[in-house]
C-alpha atoms as a PDB file:
ATOM      1  CA  MET A   1     163.567  69.244  72.004  1.00  0.00           C
ATOM      2  CA  ASN A   2     160.389  71.483  72.145  1.00  0.00           C
ATOM      3  CA  THR A   3     158.032  68.881  73.424  1.00  0.00           C
ATOM      4  CA  PHE A   4     160.659  68.317  76.601  1.00  0.00           C
ATOM      5  CA  ARG A   5     160.743  71.809  77.355  1.00  0.00           C
ATOM      6  CA  ASN A   6     156.816  72.520  77.360  1.00  0.00           C
ATOM      7  CA  ALA A   7     156.721  69.492  79.531  1.00  0.00           C
ATOM      8  CA  ALA A   8     159.288  70.661  81.731  1.00  0.00           C
ATOM      9  CA  LEU A   9     157.755  74.053  82.007  1.00  0.00           C
ATOM     10  CA  ALA A  10     154.171  72.368  82.649  1.00  0.00           C
ATOM     11  CA  LEU A  11     155.733  70.594  85.444  1.00  0.00           C
ATOM     12  CA  VAL A  12     157.257  73.835  87.150  1.00  0.00           C
ATOM     13  CA  GLY A  13     154.230  75.662  86.696  1.00  0.00           C
ATOM     14  CA  ALA A  14     152.247  72.823  88.371  1.00  0.00           C
ATOM     15  CA  LEU A  15     154.757  72.975  91.494  1.00  0.00           C
ATOM     16  CA  LEU A  16     154.534  76.639  91.626  1.00  0.00           C
ATOM     17  CA  ALA A  17     150.904  76.591  91.614  1.00  0.00           C
ATOM     18  CA  TRP A  18     150.599  73.702  94.209  1.00  0.00           C
ATOM     19  CA  PRO A  19     150.137  76.045  97.529  1.00  0.00           C
ATOM     20  CA  ALA A  20     147.355  77.716  95.816  1.00  0.00           C
ATOM     21  CA  ILE A  21     145.509  74.698  95.419  1.00  0.00           C
ATOM     22  CA  ALA A  22     144.691  74.510  99.016  1.00  0.00           C
ATOM     23  CA  GLN A  23     141.248  76.445  99.347  1.00  0.00           C
ATOM     24  CA  LEU A  24     140.279  74.917 102.389  1.00  0.00           C
ATOM     25  CA  THR A  25     141.671  73.913 105.928  1.00  0.00           C
ATOM     26  CA  PHE A  26     140.208  71.329 108.497  1.00  0.00           C
ATOM     27  CA  TYR A  27     140.953  71.777 112.080  1.00  0.00           C
ATOM     28  CA  GLU A  28     141.068  68.856 114.685  1.00  0.00           C
ATOM     29  CA  HIS A  29     139.406  71.093 117.377  1.00  0.00           C
ATOM     30  CA  GLU A  30     136.940  73.814 117.548  1.00  0.00           C
ATOM     31  CA  SER A  31     137.898  77.580 116.893  1.00  0.00           C
ATOM     32  CA  PHE A  32     140.617  76.567 114.617  1.00  0.00           C
ATOM     33  CA  ALA A  33     143.004  74.642 117.352  1.00  0.00           C
ATOM     34  CA  GLY A  34     144.671  71.662 117.061  1.00  0.00           C
ATOM     35  CA  ARG A  35     146.253  69.737 113.926  1.00  0.00           C
ATOM     36  CA  SER A  36     145.054  70.753 110.516  1.00  0.00           C
ATOM     37  CA  PHE A  37     144.583  69.194 107.179  1.00  0.00           C
ATOM     38  CA  SER A  38     144.441  71.120 103.692  1.00  0.00           C
ATOM     39  CA  PRO A  39     143.506  68.899 100.644  1.00  0.00           C
ATOM     40  CA  ARG A  40     145.575  69.149  97.911  1.00  0.00           C
ATOM     41  CA  TRP A  41     143.459  68.343  95.204  1.00  0.00           C
ATOM     42  CA  ASP A  42     139.903  69.325  94.249  1.00  0.00           C
ATOM     43  CA  ASP A  43     138.438  65.895  95.385  1.00  0.00           C
ATOM     44  CA  VAL A  44     139.304  63.823  98.693  1.00  0.00           C
ATOM     45  CA  GLU A  45     137.260  60.620  98.743  1.00  0.00           C
ATOM     46  CA  ASN A  46     138.565  59.279 101.766  1.00  0.00           C
ATOM     47  CA  PHE A  47     139.887  61.405 104.856  1.00  0.00           C
ATOM     48  CA  GLY A  48     141.375  58.276 106.220  1.00  0.00           C
ATOM     49  CA  ARG A  49     143.999  58.252 103.859  1.00  0.00           C
ATOM     50  CA  GLN A  50     145.336  61.576 105.135  1.00  0.00           C
ATOM     51  CA  GLY A  51     144.722  60.368 108.873  1.00  0.00           C
ATOM     52  CA  PHE A  52     141.835  62.729 109.371  1.00  0.00           C
ATOM     53  CA  ASN A  53     138.737  60.835 109.218  1.00  0.00           C
ATOM     54  CA  ASP A  54     136.024  61.846 111.660  1.00  0.00           C
ATOM     55  CA  ARG A  55     138.259  64.168 113.281  1.00  0.00           C
ATOM     56  CA  ALA A  56     137.379  67.661 111.795  1.00  0.00           C
ATOM     57  CA  SER A  57     135.619  70.202 114.441  1.00  0.00           C
ATOM     58  CA  SER A  58     136.235  73.643 112.439  1.00  0.00           C
ATOM     59  CA  VAL A  59     136.976  74.654 108.785  1.00  0.00           C
ATOM     60  CA  ILE A  60     138.028  77.726 106.967  1.00  0.00           C
ATOM     61  CA  VAL A  61     137.032  78.045 103.332  1.00  0.00           C
ATOM     62  CA  LEU A  62     138.464  80.288 100.827  1.00  0.00           C
ATOM     63  CA  ARG A  63     136.824  81.382  97.543  1.00  0.00           C
ATOM     64  CA  GLU A  64     135.371  78.421  96.117  1.00  0.00           C
ATOM     65  CA  ARG A  65     132.126  76.470  97.602  1.00  0.00           C
ATOM     66  CA  TRP A  66     132.885  72.928  98.941  1.00  0.00           C
ATOM     67  CA  GLU A  67     130.916  69.977  99.547  1.00  0.00           C
ATOM     68  CA  VAL A  68     131.866  67.818 102.684  1.00  0.00           C
ATOM     69  CA  CYS A  69     130.170  64.416 103.404  1.00  0.00           C
ATOM     70  CA  GLU A  70     129.860  61.879 106.521  1.00  0.00           C
ATOM     71  CA  ASP A  71     130.841  58.964 104.535  1.00  0.00           C
ATOM     72  CA  ILE A  72     133.852  58.199 102.044  1.00  0.00           C
ATOM     73  CA  ARG A  73     133.486  58.673  98.417  1.00  0.00           C
ATOM     74  CA  PHE A  74     130.911  61.645  98.858  1.00  0.00           C
ATOM     75  CA  SER A  75     128.001  59.569 100.288  1.00  0.00           C
ATOM     76  CA  GLY A  76     125.884  60.015 103.381  1.00  0.00           C
ATOM     77  CA  ARG A  77     124.850  63.171 104.460  1.00  0.00           C
ATOM     78  CA  CYS A  78     126.581  66.004 102.572  1.00  0.00           C
ATOM     79  CA  VAL A  79     126.432  69.838 103.169  1.00  0.00           C
ATOM     80  CA  VAL A  80     127.564  72.588 101.035  1.00  0.00           C
ATOM     81  CA  LEU A  81     130.119  74.980 102.421  1.00  0.00           C
ATOM     82  CA  ALA A  82     130.401  78.787 101.049  1.00  0.00           C
ATOM     83  CA  PRO A  83     133.593  80.737 101.898  1.00  0.00           C
ATOM     84  CA  GLY A  84     133.979  81.539 105.304  1.00  0.00           C
ATOM     85  CA  ARG A  85     135.104  80.658 108.363  1.00  0.00           C
ATOM     86  CA  TYR A  86     133.008  77.930 110.605  1.00  0.00           C
ATOM     87  CA  ARG A  87     134.313  77.581 114.048  1.00  0.00           C
ATOM     88  CA  SER A  88     132.291  74.753 115.121  1.00  0.00           C
ATOM     89  CA  LEU A  89     130.859  72.013 112.702  1.00  0.00           C
ATOM     90  CA  ALA A  90     128.747  70.860 115.638  1.00  0.00           C
ATOM     91  CA  ALA A  91     126.036  73.444 114.510  1.00  0.00           C
ATOM     92  CA  MET A  92     125.511  71.445 111.367  1.00  0.00           C
ATOM     93  CA  GLY A  93     125.692  68.026 113.069  1.00  0.00           C
ATOM     94  CA  LEU A  94     129.182  67.494 111.456  1.00  0.00           C
ATOM     95  CA  ASN A  95     131.461  67.491 114.320  1.00  0.00           C
ATOM     96  CA  ASP A  96     134.001  64.509 113.982  1.00  0.00           C
ATOM     97  CA  ARG A  97     131.865  63.368 111.163  1.00  0.00           C
ATOM     98  CA  ILE A  98     133.260  64.356 107.836  1.00  0.00           C
ATOM     99  CA  SER A  99     135.048  61.351 105.753  1.00  0.00           C
ATOM    100  CA  SER A 100     134.806  63.122 102.112  1.00  0.00           C
ATOM    101  CA  ALA A 101     134.915  66.465 100.686  1.00  0.00           C
ATOM    102  CA  ARG A 102     135.103  68.011  97.094  1.00  0.00           C
ATOM    103  CA  SER A 103     135.081  71.415  95.258  1.00  0.00           C
ATOM    104  CA  VAL A 104     131.941  72.463  93.626  1.00  0.00           C
ATOM    105  CA  ARG A 105     131.835  74.129  90.275  1.00  0.00           C
ATOM    106  CA  ARG A 106     130.623  77.745  89.981  1.00  0.00           C
ATOM    107  CA  SER A 107     128.164  76.739  87.310  1.00  0.00           C
ATOM    108  CA  ALA A 108     126.466  74.237  89.749  1.00  0.00           C
ATOM    109  CA  ARG A 109     123.259  74.968  91.151  1.00  0.00           C
ATOM    110  CA  ILE A 110     122.847  74.441  94.532  1.00  0.00           C
ATOM    111  CA  ASP A 111     119.660  74.337  96.483  1.00  0.00           C
ATOM    112  CA  ASP A 112     119.488  76.551  99.673  1.00  0.00           C
ATOM    113  CA  GLU A 113     118.592  73.699 102.141  1.00  0.00           C
ATOM    114  CA  ARG A 114     121.781  72.016 101.082  1.00  0.00           C
ATOM    115  CA  PHE A 115     124.013  75.168 102.594  1.00  0.00           C
ATOM    116  CA  ALA A 116     125.499  75.247 105.963  1.00  0.00           C
ATOM    117  CA  PRO A 117     124.104  78.029 107.993  1.00  0.00           C
ATOM    118  CA  PRO A 118     126.073  81.394 107.408  1.00  0.00           C
ATOM    119  CA  PRO A 119     129.572  81.565 108.276  1.00  0.00           C
ATOM    120  CA  GLU A 120     131.922  84.215 109.899  1.00  0.00           C
ATOM    121  CA  PRO A 121     133.578  86.324 106.926  1.00  0.00           C
ATOM    122  CA  VAL A 122     137.210  85.202 106.011  1.00  0.00           C
ATOM    123  CA  TYR A 123     139.795  87.122 104.804  1.00  0.00           C
ATOM    124  CA  ASP A 124     142.079  85.459 101.794  1.00  0.00           C
ATOM    125  CA  ASN A 125     145.715  85.987 102.812  1.00  0.00           C
ATOM    126  CA  SER A 126     147.149  84.150  99.857  1.00  0.00           C
ATOM    127  CA  ARG A 127     149.617  85.741  97.660  1.00  0.00           C
ATOM    128  CA  ARG A 128     147.964  86.973  94.451  1.00  0.00           C
ATOM    129  CA  ALA A 129     149.922  86.634  90.882  1.00  0.00           C
ATOM    130  CA  ASN A 130     152.740  88.898  90.455  1.00  0.00           C
ATOM    131  CA  GLU A 131     152.283  90.527  93.632  1.00  0.00           C
ATOM    132  CA  ARG A 132     155.270  92.222  95.384  1.00  0.00           C
ATOM    133  CA  LEU A 133     155.655  91.614  99.231  1.00  0.00           C
ATOM    134  CA  PHE A 134     157.368  93.305 102.030  1.00  0.00           C
ATOM    135  CA  GLU A 135     157.956  92.725 105.662  1.00  0.00           C
ATOM    136  CA  ALA A 136     156.201  94.699 108.343  1.00  0.00           C
ATOM    137  CA  ASP A 137     157.464  95.127 111.938  1.00  0.00           C
ATOM    138  CA  VAL A 138     155.180  93.599 114.481  1.00  0.00           C
ATOM    139  CA  SER A 139     154.908  96.242 117.526  1.00  0.00           C
ATOM    140  CA  SER A 140     152.602  93.956 119.613  1.00  0.00           C
ATOM    141  CA  VAL A 141     150.975  90.581 120.192  1.00  0.00           C
ATOM    142  CA  ARG A 142     148.119  89.632 122.368  1.00  0.00           C
ATOM    143  CA  ALA A 143     146.620  86.287 123.173  1.00  0.00           C
ATOM    144  CA  ILE A 144     142.934  86.243 123.172  1.00  0.00           C
ATOM    145  CA  VAL A 145     141.239  83.815 125.575  1.00  0.00           C
ATOM    146  CA  GLY A 146     137.611  82.782 125.207  1.00  0.00           C
ATOM    147  CA  PRO A 147     135.156  83.272 127.893  1.00  0.00           C
ATOM    148  CA  PRO A 148     135.224  80.372 130.962  1.00  0.00           C
ATOM    149  CA  GLU A 149     133.885  77.278 130.182  1.00  0.00           C
ATOM    150  CA  GLN A 150     131.290  75.344 132.404  1.00  0.00           C
ATOM    151  CA  ARG A 151     132.121  72.230 133.682  1.00  0.00           C
ATOM    152  CA  CYS A 152     129.134  69.820 134.654  1.00  0.00           C
ATOM    153  CA  TRP A 153     129.067  66.291 136.373  1.00  0.00           C
ATOM    154  CA  ILE A 154     126.627  64.120 138.049  1.00  0.00           C
ATOM    155  CA  GLU A 155     126.832  62.839 141.732  1.00  0.00           C
ATOM    156  CA  ARG A 156     124.781  60.274 143.512  1.00  0.00           C
ATOM    157  CA  GLN A 157     123.561  61.593 146.695  1.00  0.00           C
ATOM    158  CA  GLN A 158     121.638  59.844 149.546  1.00  0.00           C
ATOM    159  CA  VAL A 159     118.666  61.409 150.932  1.00  0.00           C
ATOM    160  CA  ALA A 160     115.999  60.221 153.708  1.00  0.00           C
ATOM    161  CA  GLU A 161     112.642  59.609 152.284  1.00  0.00           C
ATOM    162  CA  GLU A 162     109.979  61.737 154.017  1.00  0.00           C
ATOM    163  CA  GLN A 163     106.850  59.134 155.142  1.00  0.00           C
ATOM    164  CA  SER A 164     103.885  61.312 155.171  1.00  0.00           C
ATOM    165  CA  THR A 165     101.636  58.871 156.206  1.00  0.00           C
ATOM    166  CA  ALA A 166     101.728  56.953 159.586  1.00  0.00           C
ATOM    167  CA  ASN A 167     102.275  52.950 159.834  1.00  0.00           C
ATOM    168  CA  VAL A 168      98.518  51.944 159.423  1.00  0.00           C
ATOM    169  CA  PRO A 169      99.215  48.221 160.281  1.00  0.00           C
ATOM    170  CA  GLY A 170     101.297  49.098 163.279  1.00  0.00           C
ATOM    171  CA  ALA A 171      98.852  51.693 164.519  1.00  0.00           C
ATOM    172  CA  ILE A 172      96.270  48.936 164.664  1.00  0.00           C
ATOM    173  CA  ALA A 173      98.330  46.393 166.216  1.00  0.00           C
ATOM    174  CA  GLY A 174      99.404  48.864 168.787  1.00  0.00           C
ATOM    175  CA  ALA A 175      95.770  50.066 169.603  1.00  0.00           C
ATOM    176  CA  VAL A 176      94.765  46.253 170.035  1.00  0.00           C
ATOM    177  CA  ILE A 177      97.532  45.366 172.471  1.00  0.00           C
ATOM    178  CA  GLY A 178      97.191  48.912 174.396  1.00  0.00           C
ATOM    179  CA  GLY A 179      93.743  48.173 174.733  1.00  0.00           C
ATOM    180  CA  ILE A 180      94.504  44.649 176.341  1.00  0.00           C
ATOM    181  CA  LEU A 181      96.930  45.993 178.525  1.00  0.00           C
ATOM    182  CA  GLY A 182      94.793  49.088 179.647  1.00  0.00           C
ATOM    183  CA  HIS A 183      91.829  46.597 180.483  1.00  0.00           C
ATOM    184  CA  GLN A 184      94.042  44.991 183.075  1.00  0.00           C
ATOM    185  CA  ILE A 185      94.335  48.113 185.098  1.00  0.00           C
ATOM    186  CA  GLY A 186      91.471  49.266 187.646  1.00  0.00           C
ATOM    187  CA  ARG A 187      88.069  48.341 188.202  1.00  0.00           C
ATOM    188  CA  GLY A 188      84.335  49.753 187.068  1.00  0.00           C
ATOM    189  CA  THR A 189      84.591  52.941 185.293  1.00  0.00           C
ATOM    190  CA  GLY A 190      88.231  53.325 185.748  1.00  0.00           C
ATOM    191  CA  ARG A 191      88.997  50.179 183.753  1.00  0.00           C
ATOM    192  CA  ASP A 192      87.163  51.492 180.902  1.00  0.00           C
ATOM    193  CA  ILE A 193      89.082  54.837 181.089  1.00  0.00           C
ATOM    194  CA  ALA A 194      92.215  52.974 181.359  1.00  0.00           C
ATOM    195  CA  THR A 195      91.167  50.691 178.221  1.00  0.00           C
ATOM    196  CA  VAL A 196      90.537  53.603 175.953  1.00  0.00           C
ATOM    197  CA  GLY A 197      94.002  55.382 177.295  1.00  0.00           C
ATOM    198  CA  GLY A 198      95.994  52.133 176.409  1.00  0.00           C
ATOM    199  CA  ALA A 199      94.461  51.838 172.976  1.00  0.00           C
ATOM    200  CA  VAL A 200      94.935  55.457 172.149  1.00  0.00           C
ATOM    201  CA  GLY A 201      98.716  55.206 173.403  1.00  0.00           C
ATOM    202  CA  GLY A 202      99.435  52.121 171.992  1.00  0.00           C
ATOM    203  CA  GLY A 203      97.964  53.293 168.361  1.00  0.00           C
ATOM    204  CA  LEU A 204     100.329  56.396 168.635  1.00  0.00           C
ATOM    205  CA  LEU A 205     103.308  54.107 169.324  1.00  0.00           C
ATOM    206  CA  GLY A 206     102.485  51.665 166.726  1.00  0.00           C
ATOM    207  CA  ALA A 207     101.911  54.169 164.216  1.00  0.00           C
ATOM    208  CA  ASN A 208     105.759  55.463 164.502  1.00  0.00           C
ATOM    209  CA  VAL A 209     107.004  52.012 164.314  1.00  0.00           C
ATOM    210  CA  GLY A 210     109.314  52.067 161.318  1.00  0.00           C
ATOM    211  CA  ARG A 211     110.087  55.783 160.992  1.00  0.00           C
ATOM    212  CA  GLY A 212     113.074  57.766 162.094  1.00  0.00           C
ATOM    213  CA  ASP A 213     116.724  56.766 162.214  1.00  0.00           C
ATOM    214  CA  GLY A 214     115.812  53.109 160.816  1.00  0.00           C
ATOM    215  CA  GLN A 215     114.431  54.412 157.491  1.00  0.00           C
ATOM    216  CA  PRO A 216     116.525  53.215 154.539  1.00  0.00           C
ATOM    217  CA  ALA A 217     118.154  56.431 152.483  1.00  0.00           C
ATOM    218  CA  ALA A 218     116.991  57.051 148.951  1.00  0.00           C
ATOM    219  CA  VAL A 219     119.593  57.525 146.300  1.00  0.00           C
ATOM    220  CA  ARG A 220     119.296  60.216 143.683  1.00  0.00           C
ATOM    221  CA  GLU A 221     121.448  61.832 141.212  1.00  0.00           C
ATOM    222  CA  VAL A 222     122.214  65.631 141.461  1.00  0.00           C
ATOM    223  CA  GLN A 223     123.736  67.580 138.804  1.00  0.00           C
ATOM    224  CA  ARG A 224     126.573  70.281 139.909  1.00  0.00           C
ATOM    225  CA  CYS A 225     128.419  72.910 137.515  1.00  0.00           C
ATOM    226  CA  GLU A 226     131.523  74.875 138.168  1.00  0.00           C
ATOM    227  CA  GLU A 227     133.148  77.456 135.478  1.00  0.00           C
ATOM    228  CA  THR A 228     136.596  76.680 134.925  1.00  0.00           C
ATOM    229  CA  PRO A 229     139.008  79.193 133.085  1.00  0.00           C
ATOM    230  CA  ARG A 230     140.300  78.688 129.467  1.00  0.00           C
ATOM    231  CA  GLN A 231     144.134  79.278 130.100  1.00  0.00           C
ATOM    232  CA  THR A 232     145.187  76.345 127.998  1.00  0.00           C
ATOM    233  CA  ARG A 233     143.835  77.265 124.737  1.00  0.00           C
ATOM    234  CA  VAL A 234     144.078  80.421 122.790  1.00  0.00           C
ATOM    235  CA  ASP A 235     141.271  81.514 120.450  1.00  0.00           C
ATOM    236  CA  TYR A 236     143.367  84.061 118.373  1.00  0.00           C
ATOM    237  CA  TRP A 237     146.171  86.362 118.635  1.00  0.00           C
ATOM    238  CA  GLU A 238     145.644  90.169 117.759  1.00  0.00           C
ATOM    239  CA  VAL A 239     148.667  91.541 116.124  1.00  0.00           C
ATOM    240  CA  THR A 240     149.468  95.193 115.533  1.00  0.00           C
ATOM    241  CA  TYR A 241     152.467  95.978 112.990  1.00  0.00           C
ATOM    242  CA  THR A 242     153.370  99.057 111.415  1.00  0.00           C
ATOM    243  CA  PHE A 243     153.984  99.403 107.672  1.00  0.00           C
ATOM    244  CA  ARG A 244     154.777 102.829 105.836  1.00  0.00           C
ATOM    245  CA  GLY A 245     154.251 104.787 109.067  1.00  0.00           C
ATOM    246  CA  ARG A 246     150.696 103.454 109.411  1.00  0.00           C
ATOM    247  CA  GLU A 247     149.442 101.066 112.184  1.00  0.00           C
ATOM    248  CA  HIS A 248     147.741  97.776 111.133  1.00  0.00           C
ATOM    249  CA  HIS A 249     145.678  95.454 113.024  1.00  0.00           C
ATOM    250  CA  VAL A 250     145.124  91.540 112.344  1.00  0.00           C
ATOM    251  CA  GLN A 251     144.051  88.401 113.969  1.00  0.00           C
ATOM    252  CA  MET A 252     145.956  85.244 113.473  1.00  0.00           C
ATOM    253  CA  SER A 253     145.521  81.525 114.666  1.00  0.00           C
ATOM    254  CA  SER A 254     149.120  81.447 115.583  1.00  0.00           C
ATOM    255  CA  PRO A 255     151.710  84.033 117.064  1.00  0.00           C
ATOM    256  CA  PRO A 256     153.959  85.689 114.511  1.00  0.00           C
ATOM    257  CA  GLY A 257     157.646  86.412 114.617  1.00  0.00           C
ATOM    258  CA  ALA A 258     159.308  89.763 114.494  1.00  0.00           C
ATOM    259  CA  THR A 259     157.643  90.556 111.263  1.00  0.00           C
ATOM    260  CA  VAL A 260     154.661  89.873 109.085  1.00  0.00           C
ATOM    261  CA  THR A 261     154.679  89.620 105.411  1.00  0.00           C
ATOM    262  CA  VAL A 262     152.282  92.230 103.599  1.00  0.00           C
ATOM    263  CA  ASN A 263     151.414  93.474 100.212  1.00  0.00           C
ATOM    264  CA  ARG A 264     152.340  97.317  99.047  1.00  0.00           C
ATOM    265  CA  ARG A 265     149.014  98.374 100.779  1.00  0.00           C
ATOM    266  CA  GLY A 266     149.966  96.622 104.022  1.00  0.00           C
ATOM    267  CA  GLU A 267     147.542  93.686 103.766  1.00  0.00           C
ATOM    268  CA  PRO A 268     148.660  90.351 105.072  1.00  0.00           C
ATOM    269  CA  ARG A 269     149.731  87.758 102.980  1.00  0.00           C
ATOM    270  CA  SER A 270     150.950  84.065 103.974  1.00  0.00           C
END
């Protein structure tokens, strides 16, 4: 009987501790947006089994250090994440590339070069053991939208090529033909003048052959950009609530209801 009771108590304790196991949360998009995934065990050797392989773009880590890897079973390139808020995994070259993750023992010694860049500080709002909770009235909620995003694209544009040099073969041919025609005009000295004039005129005419409207246009690629407002995605929600006569402020990833859960000091709890 005692053995059965002890086993039952152990099972109840494990179920009660279940929410506390999740010490990090991965998000599908940057700035903690989109679908999320919180491992329930210390080691997740294959994100594909959770439908989250190569999908994480941001992550929040609580309390412990975690190692995240590009390939399953903790292989490939791996990076150690200290507790904090990582708005973008692209900074460490892991955007949409994480396939496995595992916790790092507190006693483990990690080389500095294995750590990810320092994250933003994180507030652990999980409930502590034997902590009494209260409900505080929300007085205001504001959606905070990030700065405009820049959208760029490439356009193909036709431009006329500038021809800096004259049409040399055309100039030579024009001079010869012009000289022959000029030689047929006048007599004596007048014929010589007409020959020179014909050669010069024909040369000028021939030099311009192939230039102008008949010139084929060149195609080049031109980059154009414009700023678009980020009206479709909220970075976070700025919440103001009152507890025991004092006003408190907190940032939340989703809008709250009429109240928020706090401890006796007014600190938010999940």
